[in-house]
């Protein structure tokens, strides 16, 4: 692809994939172009009032974009602003950008089984682990990685999925033995991902 240099107007050749990224024929022309064009742009001034400390600031368009979109006067005030915004939004639902309004919405393709599993892991699994005091109901081991097991199958008994009396805490070895009928091997890939760990042994 043939272009004309923005500085010396000399014709030069670049790959098509670099279109829009290269506008000068050499480094000398690039430096001259930056000093003539880009620095001229940065000489424009932007005046604003900081929303955190209310100080009046004068800066360039580029620095205004870096400082919280021109809302703050410094990096410190920008961090304070983002921290306050994060705390104000914590725990709140956002229906305007959830469900069908979310940009990744694909028509509701998530199955009910997956939704039930997420709900169980977040709400019920911690309750069962606390009830069993982080102890395997089969071998009595304590302070290792645990799974919450359904005594009656999750798939065959959907009506008992959220019944706490149908759930028990098992270590990985006991859960593997109950599920597959053989002893778990130490080699190979980890099965049944996302085990819940006891953080400390008391």
N, C-alpha and C. Protein backbone atom coordinates (compact mmCIF):
# COMPACT_ATOMS: atom_id res chain seq x y z
N UNK A 1 0.85 -1.19 0.00
CA UNK A 1 0.00 0.00 0.00
C UNK A 1 0.89 1.24 0.00
N UNK A 2 0.58 2.21 -0.86
CA UNK A 2 1.36 3.44 -1.02
C UNK A 2 0.68 4.58 -0.29
N UNK A 3 1.45 5.30 0.55
CA UNK A 3 0.96 6.48 1.26
C UNK A 3 1.91 7.63 1.05
N UNK A 4 1.42 8.84 1.30
CA UNK A 4 2.25 10.04 1.28
C UNK A 4 2.57 10.46 2.71
N UNK A 5 3.83 10.72 2.98
CA UNK A 5 4.27 11.11 4.31
C UNK A 5 3.59 12.41 4.74
N UNK A 6 3.11 12.46 5.99
CA UNK A 6 2.43 13.64 6.50
C UNK A 6 3.38 14.82 6.72
N UNK A 7 4.69 14.54 6.75
CA UNK A 7 5.66 15.60 7.00
C UNK A 7 6.33 16.07 5.72
N UNK A 8 7.00 15.16 5.00
CA UNK A 8 7.75 15.54 3.80
C UNK A 8 7.01 15.23 2.50
N UNK A 9 5.83 14.60 2.60
CA UNK A 9 4.98 14.27 1.45
C UNK A 9 5.66 13.31 0.47
N UNK A 10 6.64 12.56 0.95
CA UNK A 10 7.28 11.55 0.11
C UNK A 10 6.44 10.27 0.11
N UNK A 11 6.31 9.66 -1.06
CA UNK A 11 5.55 8.42 -1.17
C UNK A 11 6.36 7.27 -0.57
N UNK A 12 5.70 6.44 0.26
CA UNK A 12 6.36 5.28 0.84
C UNK A 12 5.37 4.13 0.94
N UNK A 13 5.92 2.94 1.08
CA UNK A 13 5.10 1.73 1.04
C UNK A 13 4.99 1.12 2.43
N UNK A 14 3.76 0.68 2.81
CA UNK A 14 3.53 0.01 4.09
C UNK A 14 2.64 -1.21 3.86
N UNK A 15 2.65 -2.19 4.76
CA UNK A 15 1.72 -3.31 4.66
C UNK A 15 0.28 -2.84 4.86
N UNK A 16 -0.66 -3.49 4.25
CA UNK A 16 -2.06 -3.10 4.36
C UNK A 16 -2.55 -3.17 5.80
N UNK A 17 -2.03 -4.12 6.56
CA UNK A 17 -2.48 -4.27 7.94
C UNK A 17 -2.06 -3.11 8.83
N UNK A 18 -1.11 -2.28 8.38
CA UNK A 18 -0.63 -1.14 9.17
C UNK A 18 -1.31 0.17 8.78
N UNK A 19 -2.33 0.06 7.96
CA UNK A 19 -3.04 1.27 7.53
C UNK A 19 -3.66 1.97 8.74
N UNK A 20 -3.47 3.25 8.83
CA UNK A 20 -3.98 4.04 9.94
C UNK A 20 -3.04 4.11 11.12
N UNK A 21 -2.02 3.26 11.15
CA UNK A 21 -1.06 3.26 12.26
C UNK A 21 0.22 4.00 11.90
N UNK A 22 0.56 4.01 10.62
CA UNK A 22 1.78 4.67 10.16
C UNK A 22 1.39 5.80 9.21
N UNK A 23 1.87 7.01 9.50
CA UNK A 23 1.54 8.16 8.65
C UNK A 23 2.78 8.89 8.16
N UNK A 24 3.97 8.47 8.62
CA UNK A 24 5.21 9.12 8.20
C UNK A 24 6.18 8.08 7.66
N UNK A 25 7.17 8.54 6.87
CA UNK A 25 8.07 7.63 6.19
C UNK A 25 9.29 7.25 7.02
N UNK A 26 9.63 8.03 8.05
CA UNK A 26 10.82 7.75 8.85
C UNK A 26 10.61 8.24 10.28
N UNK A 27 11.56 7.90 11.14
CA UNK A 27 11.46 8.33 12.53
C UNK A 27 11.63 9.84 12.66
N UNK A 28 12.50 10.42 11.82
CA UNK A 28 12.68 11.87 11.85
C UNK A 28 11.38 12.58 11.50
N UNK A 29 10.71 12.07 10.45
CA UNK A 29 9.43 12.67 10.06
C UNK A 29 8.35 12.44 11.12
N UNK A 30 8.44 11.29 11.77
CA UNK A 30 7.46 11.00 12.83
C UNK A 30 7.62 11.97 13.99
N UNK A 31 8.88 12.24 14.41
CA UNK A 31 9.11 13.20 15.49
C UNK A 31 8.66 14.60 15.12
N UNK A 32 8.92 14.98 13.87
CA UNK A 32 8.49 16.30 13.42
C UNK A 32 6.97 16.40 13.38
N UNK A 33 6.33 15.33 12.95
CA UNK A 33 4.86 15.30 12.88
C UNK A 33 4.24 15.43 14.28
N UNK A 34 4.83 14.69 15.24
CA UNK A 34 4.30 14.75 16.60
C UNK A 34 4.45 16.14 17.21
N UNK A 35 5.63 16.75 17.00
CA UNK A 35 5.86 18.08 17.56
C UNK A 35 4.98 19.14 16.90
N UNK A 36 4.68 18.93 15.61
CA UNK A 36 3.90 19.93 14.87
C UNK A 36 2.40 19.77 15.07
N UNK A 37 1.93 18.52 15.09
CA UNK A 37 0.49 18.28 15.13
C UNK A 37 0.00 17.92 16.52
N UNK A 38 0.57 16.84 17.08
CA UNK A 38 0.05 16.35 18.36
C UNK A 38 0.29 17.32 19.50
N UNK A 39 1.47 17.93 19.53
CA UNK A 39 1.74 18.89 20.59
C UNK A 39 0.84 20.11 20.47
N UNK A 40 0.51 20.45 19.24
CA UNK A 40 -0.42 21.57 19.05
C UNK A 40 -1.79 21.25 19.61
N UNK A 41 -2.20 19.99 19.49
CA UNK A 41 -3.49 19.59 20.04
C UNK A 41 -3.46 19.66 21.56
N UNK A 42 -2.34 19.21 22.16
CA UNK A 42 -2.24 19.19 23.61
C UNK A 42 -2.11 20.58 24.22
N UNK A 43 -1.84 21.59 23.40
CA UNK A 43 -1.74 22.94 23.93
C UNK A 43 -3.11 23.54 24.24
N UNK A 44 -4.17 22.88 23.76
CA UNK A 44 -5.50 23.35 24.12
C UNK A 44 -5.73 23.11 25.60
N UNK A 45 -6.46 23.99 26.25
CA UNK A 45 -6.67 23.88 27.68
C UNK A 45 -8.12 23.52 27.97
N UNK A 46 -8.31 22.74 29.04
CA UNK A 46 -9.64 22.34 29.49
C UNK A 46 -9.78 22.79 30.94
N UNK A 47 -10.89 23.44 31.24
CA UNK A 47 -11.13 23.94 32.59
C UNK A 47 -12.30 23.17 33.20
N UNK A 48 -12.11 22.70 34.44
CA UNK A 48 -13.16 21.92 35.09
C UNK A 48 -13.02 22.07 36.60
N UNK A 49 -14.04 21.58 37.33
CA UNK A 49 -14.04 21.59 38.79
C UNK A 49 -14.06 20.15 39.28
N UNK A 50 -13.16 19.82 40.18
CA UNK A 50 -13.05 18.46 40.71
C UNK A 50 -14.29 18.12 41.53
N UNK A 51 -14.88 16.95 41.28
CA UNK A 51 -16.09 16.55 42.00
C UNK A 51 -15.79 16.02 43.39
N UNK A 52 -14.50 15.79 43.71
CA UNK A 52 -14.12 15.28 45.03
C UNK A 52 -13.72 16.42 45.96
N UNK A 53 -12.71 17.21 45.57
CA UNK A 53 -12.22 18.29 46.43
C UNK A 53 -12.69 19.68 45.99
N UNK A 54 -13.42 19.73 44.87
CA UNK A 54 -14.00 20.97 44.34
C UNK A 54 -12.94 22.00 43.95
N UNK A 55 -11.74 21.56 43.65
CA UNK A 55 -10.70 22.47 43.20
C UNK A 55 -10.87 22.74 41.71
N UNK A 56 -10.60 23.96 41.29
CA UNK A 56 -10.69 24.32 39.88
C UNK A 56 -9.36 23.96 39.21
N UNK A 57 -9.44 23.25 38.10
CA UNK A 57 -8.24 22.75 37.43
C UNK A 57 -8.18 23.23 36.00
N UNK A 58 -6.94 23.33 35.50
CA UNK A 58 -6.67 23.67 34.11
C UNK A 58 -5.69 22.63 33.57
N UNK A 59 -6.09 21.92 32.55
CA UNK A 59 -5.26 20.84 32.04
C UNK A 59 -5.50 20.65 30.54
N UNK A 60 -4.86 19.63 29.97
CA UNK A 60 -5.01 19.32 28.55
C UNK A 60 -6.11 18.29 28.37
N UNK A 61 -6.65 18.15 27.16
CA UNK A 61 -7.69 17.14 26.92
C UNK A 61 -7.23 15.73 27.27
N UNK A 62 -5.97 15.42 26.96
CA UNK A 62 -5.46 14.08 27.25
C UNK A 62 -5.43 13.80 28.75
N UNK A 63 -4.89 14.73 29.53
CA UNK A 63 -4.83 14.53 30.98
C UNK A 63 -6.21 14.52 31.60
N UNK A 64 -7.13 15.26 31.02
CA UNK A 64 -8.50 15.26 31.54
C UNK A 64 -9.13 13.89 31.37
N UNK A 65 -8.83 13.22 30.25
CA UNK A 65 -9.37 11.87 30.05
C UNK A 65 -8.75 10.89 31.03
N UNK A 66 -7.48 11.08 31.37
CA UNK A 66 -6.81 10.17 32.28
C UNK A 66 -7.27 10.35 33.72
N UNK A 67 -7.76 11.49 34.07
CA UNK A 67 -8.18 11.78 35.44
C UNK A 67 -9.70 11.63 35.57
N UNK A 68 -10.18 10.40 35.50
CA UNK A 68 -11.60 10.16 35.72
C UNK A 68 -12.49 10.84 34.72
N UNK A 69 -12.04 10.94 33.47
CA UNK A 69 -12.87 11.56 32.44
C UNK A 69 -13.04 13.05 32.63
N UNK A 70 -12.06 13.72 33.27
CA UNK A 70 -12.16 15.16 33.49
C UNK A 70 -12.96 15.56 34.70
N UNK A 71 -13.39 14.58 35.52
CA UNK A 71 -14.20 14.89 36.69
C UNK A 71 -13.37 15.18 37.93
N UNK A 72 -12.10 14.78 37.91
CA UNK A 72 -11.25 14.97 39.08
C UNK A 72 -9.99 15.75 38.71
N UNK A 73 -9.31 16.27 39.74
CA UNK A 73 -8.14 17.12 39.51
C UNK A 73 -6.84 16.35 39.56
N UNK A 74 -6.84 15.14 40.13
CA UNK A 74 -5.59 14.41 40.30
C UNK A 74 -5.87 12.91 40.34
N UNK A 75 -4.79 12.15 40.30
CA UNK A 75 -4.91 10.69 40.39
C UNK A 75 -5.51 10.28 41.73
N UNK A 76 -5.13 10.96 42.79
CA UNK A 76 -5.63 10.62 44.12
C UNK A 76 -7.13 10.83 44.19
N UNK A 77 -7.62 11.95 43.70
CA UNK A 77 -9.06 12.21 43.71
C UNK A 77 -9.80 11.24 42.79
N UNK A 78 -9.15 10.82 41.71
CA UNK A 78 -9.76 9.85 40.81
C UNK A 78 -9.97 8.52 41.51
N UNK A 79 -8.97 8.07 42.29
CA UNK A 79 -9.10 6.82 43.04
C UNK A 79 -10.18 6.92 44.10
N UNK A 80 -10.28 8.07 44.75
CA UNK A 80 -11.32 8.28 45.75
C UNK A 80 -12.70 8.20 45.10
N UNK A 81 -12.85 8.82 43.93
CA UNK A 81 -14.12 8.81 43.22
C UNK A 81 -14.54 7.39 42.85
N UNK A 82 -13.61 6.61 42.28
CA UNK A 82 -13.94 5.24 41.88
C UNK A 82 -14.26 4.37 43.09
N UNK A 83 -13.58 4.62 44.22
CA UNK A 83 -13.86 3.87 45.44
C UNK A 83 -15.26 4.17 45.96
N UNK A 84 -15.65 5.44 45.94
CA UNK A 84 -16.99 5.81 46.39
C UNK A 84 -18.06 5.25 45.48
N UNK A 85 -17.80 5.27 44.17
CA UNK A 85 -18.78 4.71 43.24
C UNK A 85 -18.93 3.21 43.45
N UNK A 86 -17.80 2.52 43.69
CA UNK A 86 -17.87 1.08 43.91
C UNK A 86 -18.66 0.74 45.16
N UNK A 87 -18.46 1.50 46.26
CA UNK A 87 -19.20 1.23 47.48
C UNK A 87 -20.68 1.53 47.32
N UNK A 88 -21.01 2.58 46.58
CA UNK A 88 -22.42 2.93 46.42
C UNK A 88 -23.18 1.91 45.60
N UNK A 89 -22.47 1.18 44.71
CA UNK A 89 -23.14 0.20 43.86
C UNK A 89 -23.09 -1.21 44.41
N UNK A 90 -22.35 -1.43 45.51
CA UNK A 90 -22.17 -2.78 46.04
C UNK A 90 -23.49 -3.34 46.56
N UNK A 91 -23.83 -4.55 46.12
CA UNK A 91 -25.04 -5.23 46.58
C UNK A 91 -26.31 -4.79 45.90
N UNK A 92 -26.24 -3.83 44.97
CA UNK A 92 -27.43 -3.36 44.29
C UNK A 92 -27.66 -4.14 43.00
N UNK A 93 -28.92 -4.35 42.69
CA UNK A 93 -29.26 -5.00 41.42
C UNK A 93 -29.34 -3.95 40.32
N UNK A 94 -29.04 -4.36 39.11
CA UNK A 94 -29.04 -3.44 37.97
C UNK A 94 -29.89 -4.03 36.85
N UNK A 95 -31.21 -3.93 36.98
CA UNK A 95 -32.08 -4.51 35.93
C UNK A 95 -31.88 -3.88 34.57
N UNK A 96 -31.36 -2.65 34.54
CA UNK A 96 -31.18 -2.00 33.24
C UNK A 96 -30.07 -2.63 32.43
N UNK A 97 -29.18 -3.43 33.06
CA UNK A 97 -28.14 -4.11 32.30
C UNK A 97 -27.99 -5.58 32.72
N UNK A 98 -29.11 -6.18 33.07
CA UNK A 98 -29.13 -7.60 33.40
C UNK A 98 -30.23 -8.28 32.61
N UNK A 99 -30.12 -9.60 32.48
CA UNK A 99 -31.12 -10.34 31.72
C UNK A 99 -31.12 -9.95 30.25
N UNK A 100 -32.27 -9.65 29.72
CA UNK A 100 -32.39 -9.31 28.30
C UNK A 100 -31.70 -7.99 27.97
N UNK A 101 -31.48 -7.15 28.95
CA UNK A 101 -30.84 -5.86 28.71
C UNK A 101 -29.33 -5.92 28.69
N UNK A 102 -28.74 -7.08 29.05
CA UNK A 102 -27.29 -7.20 29.08
C UNK A 102 -26.76 -7.41 27.66
N UNK A 103 -25.55 -6.86 27.39
CA UNK A 103 -25.00 -6.93 26.04
C UNK A 103 -24.60 -8.34 25.63
N UNK A 104 -24.44 -9.25 26.60
CA UNK A 104 -24.10 -10.64 26.27
C UNK A 104 -25.32 -11.57 26.25
N UNK A 105 -26.52 -11.02 26.33
CA UNK A 105 -27.73 -11.83 26.34
C UNK A 105 -27.85 -12.61 25.03
N UNK A 106 -28.11 -13.92 25.16
CA UNK A 106 -28.19 -14.78 23.97
C UNK A 106 -29.53 -15.51 23.88
N UNK A 107 -30.56 -14.88 24.41
CA UNK A 107 -31.90 -15.45 24.25
C UNK A 107 -32.30 -16.42 25.35
N UNK A 108 -31.61 -16.41 26.48
CA UNK A 108 -31.99 -17.29 27.59
C UNK A 108 -31.62 -18.74 27.35
N UNK A 109 -30.36 -19.00 26.96
CA UNK A 109 -29.95 -20.36 26.62
C UNK A 109 -29.45 -21.15 27.84
N UNK A 110 -29.27 -20.48 28.99
CA UNK A 110 -28.82 -21.18 30.19
C UNK A 110 -29.91 -22.13 30.67
N UNK A 111 -29.55 -23.39 30.89
CA UNK A 111 -30.52 -24.39 31.30
C UNK A 111 -30.91 -24.20 32.76
N UNK A 112 -32.09 -24.71 33.11
CA UNK A 112 -32.55 -24.63 34.49
C UNK A 112 -31.65 -25.43 35.42
N UNK A 113 -31.08 -26.54 34.92
CA UNK A 113 -30.18 -27.34 35.72
C UNK A 113 -28.95 -26.54 36.14
N UNK A 114 -28.39 -25.76 35.21
CA UNK A 114 -27.22 -24.95 35.53
C UNK A 114 -27.57 -23.85 36.52
N UNK A 115 -28.73 -23.23 36.36
CA UNK A 115 -29.17 -22.20 37.29
C UNK A 115 -29.35 -22.78 38.69
N UNK A 116 -29.91 -24.00 38.76
CA UNK A 116 -30.09 -24.64 40.06
C UNK A 116 -28.76 -24.96 40.71
N UNK A 117 -27.77 -25.39 39.90
CA UNK A 117 -26.46 -25.72 40.46
C UNK A 117 -25.77 -24.48 41.02
N UNK A 118 -25.86 -23.36 40.30
CA UNK A 118 -25.26 -22.12 40.78
C UNK A 118 -25.94 -21.67 42.08
N UNK A 119 -27.26 -21.76 42.10
CA UNK A 119 -28.01 -21.39 43.31
C UNK A 119 -27.63 -22.27 44.49
N UNK A 120 -27.47 -23.58 44.24
CA UNK A 120 -27.11 -24.50 45.32
C UNK A 120 -25.71 -24.20 45.85
N UNK A 121 -24.75 -23.97 44.95
CA UNK A 121 -23.37 -23.70 45.38
C UNK A 121 -23.27 -22.42 46.20
N UNK A 122 -24.05 -21.42 45.84
CA UNK A 122 -23.93 -20.12 46.51
C UNK A 122 -24.71 -20.06 47.82
N UNK A 123 -25.89 -20.69 47.87
CA UNK A 123 -26.77 -20.53 49.02
C UNK A 123 -26.76 -21.71 49.98
N UNK A 124 -26.75 -22.92 49.45
CA UNK A 124 -26.97 -24.10 50.30
C UNK A 124 -25.68 -24.81 50.71
N UNK A 125 -24.69 -24.87 49.81
CA UNK A 125 -23.45 -25.59 50.14
C UNK A 125 -22.77 -25.04 51.39
N UNK A 126 -22.62 -23.72 51.55
CA UNK A 126 -22.00 -23.21 52.78
C UNK A 126 -22.77 -23.60 54.04
N UNK A 127 -24.12 -23.63 53.96
CA UNK A 127 -24.93 -24.00 55.12
C UNK A 127 -24.68 -25.45 55.52
N UNK A 128 -24.54 -26.34 54.54
CA UNK A 128 -24.32 -27.76 54.83
C UNK A 128 -22.94 -27.98 55.42
N UNK A 129 -21.93 -27.29 54.89
CA UNK A 129 -20.58 -27.42 55.44
C UNK A 129 -20.53 -26.95 56.88
N UNK A 130 -21.21 -25.84 57.18
CA UNK A 130 -21.25 -25.36 58.57
C UNK A 130 -21.99 -26.34 59.46
N UNK A 131 -23.08 -26.92 58.94
CA UNK A 131 -23.85 -27.88 59.74
C UNK A 131 -23.02 -29.11 60.09
N UNK A 132 -22.23 -29.58 59.14
CA UNK A 132 -21.39 -30.77 59.37
C UNK A 132 -20.04 -30.41 59.97
N UNK A 133 -19.82 -29.12 60.28
CA UNK A 133 -18.59 -28.66 60.92
C UNK A 133 -17.34 -29.03 60.10
N UNK A 134 -17.47 -28.95 58.80
CA UNK A 134 -16.35 -29.20 57.89
C UNK A 134 -15.69 -30.54 58.17
N UNK A 135 -16.50 -31.55 58.35
CA UNK A 135 -16.03 -32.90 58.64
C UNK A 135 -16.70 -33.89 57.69
N UNK A 136 -15.93 -34.79 57.13
CA UNK A 136 -16.48 -35.80 56.22
C UNK A 136 -17.41 -36.73 56.99
N UNK A 137 -18.62 -36.94 56.46
CA UNK A 137 -19.61 -37.79 57.15
C UNK A 137 -19.27 -39.27 57.04
N UNK A 138 -18.35 -39.64 56.15
CA UNK A 138 -18.00 -41.05 55.97
C UNK A 138 -16.76 -41.45 56.78
N UNK A 139 -15.67 -40.72 56.58
CA UNK A 139 -14.41 -41.11 57.24
C UNK A 139 -14.03 -40.22 58.41
N UNK A 140 -14.73 -39.09 58.57
CA UNK A 140 -14.48 -38.22 59.71
C UNK A 140 -13.27 -37.32 59.58
N UNK A 141 -12.67 -37.23 58.38
CA UNK A 141 -11.50 -36.39 58.21
C UNK A 141 -11.90 -34.92 58.31
N UNK A 142 -10.95 -34.09 58.75
CA UNK A 142 -11.24 -32.68 59.01
C UNK A 142 -10.12 -31.82 58.43
N UNK A 143 -10.46 -30.66 57.88
CA UNK A 143 -9.45 -29.71 57.42
C UNK A 143 -8.88 -30.00 56.05
N UNK A 144 -9.63 -30.69 55.18
CA UNK A 144 -9.17 -30.96 53.81
C UNK A 144 -10.18 -30.37 52.83
N UNK A 145 -10.04 -30.70 51.54
CA UNK A 145 -10.99 -30.23 50.54
C UNK A 145 -12.27 -31.07 50.62
N UNK A 146 -13.41 -30.40 50.53
CA UNK A 146 -14.70 -31.08 50.66
C UNK A 146 -15.61 -30.79 49.47
N UNK A 147 -16.54 -31.72 49.25
CA UNK A 147 -17.67 -31.52 48.34
C UNK A 147 -18.95 -31.71 49.13
N UNK A 148 -20.01 -31.07 48.66
CA UNK A 148 -21.34 -31.33 49.22
C UNK A 148 -22.01 -32.36 48.31
N UNK A 149 -22.32 -33.52 48.86
CA UNK A 149 -22.87 -34.64 48.09
C UNK A 149 -24.36 -34.78 48.35
N UNK A 150 -25.09 -35.17 47.29
CA UNK A 150 -26.51 -35.49 47.43
C UNK A 150 -26.66 -36.99 47.68
N UNK A 151 -27.30 -37.35 48.77
CA UNK A 151 -27.49 -38.76 49.11
C UNK A 151 -28.32 -39.45 48.02
N UNK A 152 -29.42 -38.82 47.64
CA UNK A 152 -30.20 -39.26 46.49
C UNK A 152 -29.83 -38.37 45.31
N UNK A 153 -29.62 -38.99 44.18
CA UNK A 153 -29.00 -38.33 43.02
C UNK A 153 -29.65 -37.00 42.67
N UNK A 154 -28.79 -36.04 42.31
CA UNK A 154 -29.23 -34.72 41.82
C UNK A 154 -30.08 -34.88 40.57
N UNK A 155 -29.68 -35.74 39.65
CA UNK A 155 -30.37 -35.87 38.37
C UNK A 155 -31.67 -36.66 38.49
N UNK A 156 -31.67 -37.70 39.32
CA UNK A 156 -32.84 -38.58 39.40
C UNK A 156 -33.91 -38.09 40.38
N UNK A 157 -33.53 -37.22 41.29
CA UNK A 157 -34.48 -36.72 42.29
C UNK A 157 -34.43 -35.19 42.33
N UNK A 158 -34.90 -34.52 41.29
CA UNK A 158 -34.83 -33.04 41.27
C UNK A 158 -35.63 -32.38 42.38
N UNK A 159 -36.65 -33.06 42.91
CA UNK A 159 -37.45 -32.47 43.98
C UNK A 159 -36.70 -32.42 45.31
N UNK A 160 -35.58 -33.15 45.40
CA UNK A 160 -34.79 -33.18 46.64
C UNK A 160 -33.48 -32.40 46.52
N UNK A 161 -33.33 -31.64 45.47
CA UNK A 161 -32.07 -30.94 45.25
C UNK A 161 -31.75 -29.95 46.36
N UNK A 162 -32.76 -29.28 46.89
CA UNK A 162 -32.54 -28.25 47.91
C UNK A 162 -33.02 -28.69 49.28
N UNK A 163 -33.17 -29.99 49.46
CA UNK A 163 -33.53 -30.56 50.76
C UNK A 163 -32.24 -30.80 51.55
N UNK A 164 -32.06 -30.08 52.64
CA UNK A 164 -30.81 -30.19 53.40
C UNK A 164 -30.60 -31.58 54.00
N UNK A 165 -31.68 -32.29 54.29
CA UNK A 165 -31.54 -33.64 54.83
C UNK A 165 -31.04 -34.63 53.78
N UNK A 166 -31.07 -34.23 52.51
CA UNK A 166 -30.59 -35.09 51.42
C UNK A 166 -29.14 -34.78 51.07
N UNK A 167 -28.48 -33.92 51.84
CA UNK A 167 -27.13 -33.48 51.51
C UNK A 167 -26.18 -33.84 52.65
N UNK A 168 -24.94 -34.09 52.29
CA UNK A 168 -23.92 -34.42 53.27
C UNK A 168 -22.56 -33.92 52.80
N UNK A 169 -21.66 -33.70 53.75
CA UNK A 169 -20.30 -33.27 53.44
C UNK A 169 -19.41 -34.49 53.29
N UNK A 170 -18.70 -34.57 52.17
CA UNK A 170 -17.77 -35.67 51.92
C UNK A 170 -16.43 -35.11 51.47
N UNK A 171 -15.35 -35.77 51.86
CA UNK A 171 -14.04 -35.42 51.32
C UNK A 171 -13.95 -35.92 49.88
N UNK A 172 -12.93 -35.51 49.14
CA UNK A 172 -12.83 -35.89 47.74
C UNK A 172 -12.73 -37.40 47.55
N UNK A 173 -11.98 -38.08 48.42
CA UNK A 173 -11.80 -39.52 48.28
C UNK A 173 -13.12 -40.27 48.49
N UNK A 174 -13.85 -39.92 49.53
CA UNK A 174 -15.12 -40.59 49.81
C UNK A 174 -16.17 -40.27 48.74
N UNK A 175 -16.17 -39.04 48.26
CA UNK A 175 -17.12 -38.67 47.21
C UNK A 175 -16.82 -39.42 45.92
N UNK A 176 -15.55 -39.56 45.60
CA UNK A 176 -15.15 -40.29 44.39
C UNK A 176 -15.53 -41.77 44.52
N UNK A 177 -15.30 -42.35 45.69
CA UNK A 177 -15.64 -43.76 45.91
C UNK A 177 -17.15 -43.98 45.81
N UNK A 178 -17.93 -43.06 46.35
CA UNK A 178 -19.40 -43.17 46.29
C UNK A 178 -19.91 -43.00 44.86
N UNK A 179 -19.27 -42.11 44.09
CA UNK A 179 -19.75 -41.82 42.75
C UNK A 179 -19.34 -42.88 41.74
N UNK A 180 -18.08 -43.31 41.78
CA UNK A 180 -17.55 -44.20 40.76
C UNK A 180 -17.31 -45.63 41.23
N UNK A 181 -17.40 -45.89 42.54
CA UNK A 181 -17.24 -47.23 43.05
C UNK A 181 -15.81 -47.73 43.07
N UNK A 182 -14.84 -46.83 43.01
CA UNK A 182 -13.43 -47.23 43.08
C UNK A 182 -12.63 -46.14 43.78
N UNK A 183 -11.43 -46.49 44.21
CA UNK A 183 -10.58 -45.56 44.94
C UNK A 183 -10.02 -44.52 43.98
N UNK A 184 -9.98 -43.28 44.43
CA UNK A 184 -9.47 -42.19 43.59
C UNK A 184 -7.96 -42.28 43.46
N UNK A 185 -7.46 -42.13 42.24
CA UNK A 185 -6.02 -42.15 41.99
C UNK A 185 -5.43 -40.77 42.22
N UNK A 186 -4.20 -40.74 42.71
CA UNK A 186 -3.53 -39.46 42.95
C UNK A 186 -3.03 -38.84 41.65
N UNK A 187 -2.91 -39.64 40.60
CA UNK A 187 -2.43 -39.13 39.31
C UNK A 187 -3.62 -38.76 38.45
N UNK A 188 -3.34 -37.99 37.41
CA UNK A 188 -4.39 -37.61 36.48
C UNK A 188 -5.01 -36.27 36.85
N UNK A 189 -6.03 -35.89 36.10
CA UNK A 189 -6.66 -34.59 36.29
C UNK A 189 -7.56 -34.60 37.52
N UNK A 190 -7.71 -33.41 38.08
CA UNK A 190 -8.61 -33.25 39.21
C UNK A 190 -10.05 -33.40 38.73
N UNK A 191 -10.85 -34.20 39.42
CA UNK A 191 -12.25 -34.38 39.02
C UNK A 191 -13.14 -33.51 39.90
N UNK A 192 -14.36 -33.28 39.43
CA UNK A 192 -15.35 -32.50 40.18
C UNK A 192 -14.74 -31.20 40.64
N UNK A 193 -14.53 -30.28 39.71
CA UNK A 193 -13.81 -29.04 39.99
C UNK A 193 -14.54 -28.20 41.03
N UNK A 194 -13.83 -27.19 41.49
CA UNK A 194 -14.31 -26.24 42.48
C UNK A 194 -14.65 -26.89 43.81
N UNK A 195 -13.74 -27.66 44.41
CA UNK A 195 -13.99 -28.16 45.77
C UNK A 195 -13.95 -27.02 46.76
N UNK A 196 -14.61 -27.18 47.88
CA UNK A 196 -14.64 -26.16 48.91
C UNK A 196 -13.61 -26.54 49.97
N UNK A 197 -12.73 -25.62 50.30
CA UNK A 197 -11.63 -25.93 51.22
C UNK A 197 -11.90 -25.32 52.59
N UNK A 198 -11.48 -26.07 53.58
CA UNK A 198 -11.46 -25.53 54.94
C UNK A 198 -10.24 -24.62 55.03
N UNK A 199 -10.43 -23.36 55.38
CA UNK A 199 -9.34 -22.40 55.33
C UNK A 199 -8.29 -22.67 56.41
N UNK A 200 -8.70 -23.14 57.56
CA UNK A 200 -7.74 -23.38 58.63
C UNK A 200 -8.22 -24.52 59.51
N UNK A 201 -7.29 -25.22 60.08
CA UNK A 201 -7.60 -26.32 60.97
C UNK A 201 -7.53 -25.81 62.40
N UNK A 202 -8.63 -25.91 63.11
CA UNK A 202 -8.69 -25.42 64.48
C UNK A 202 -8.32 -26.53 65.44
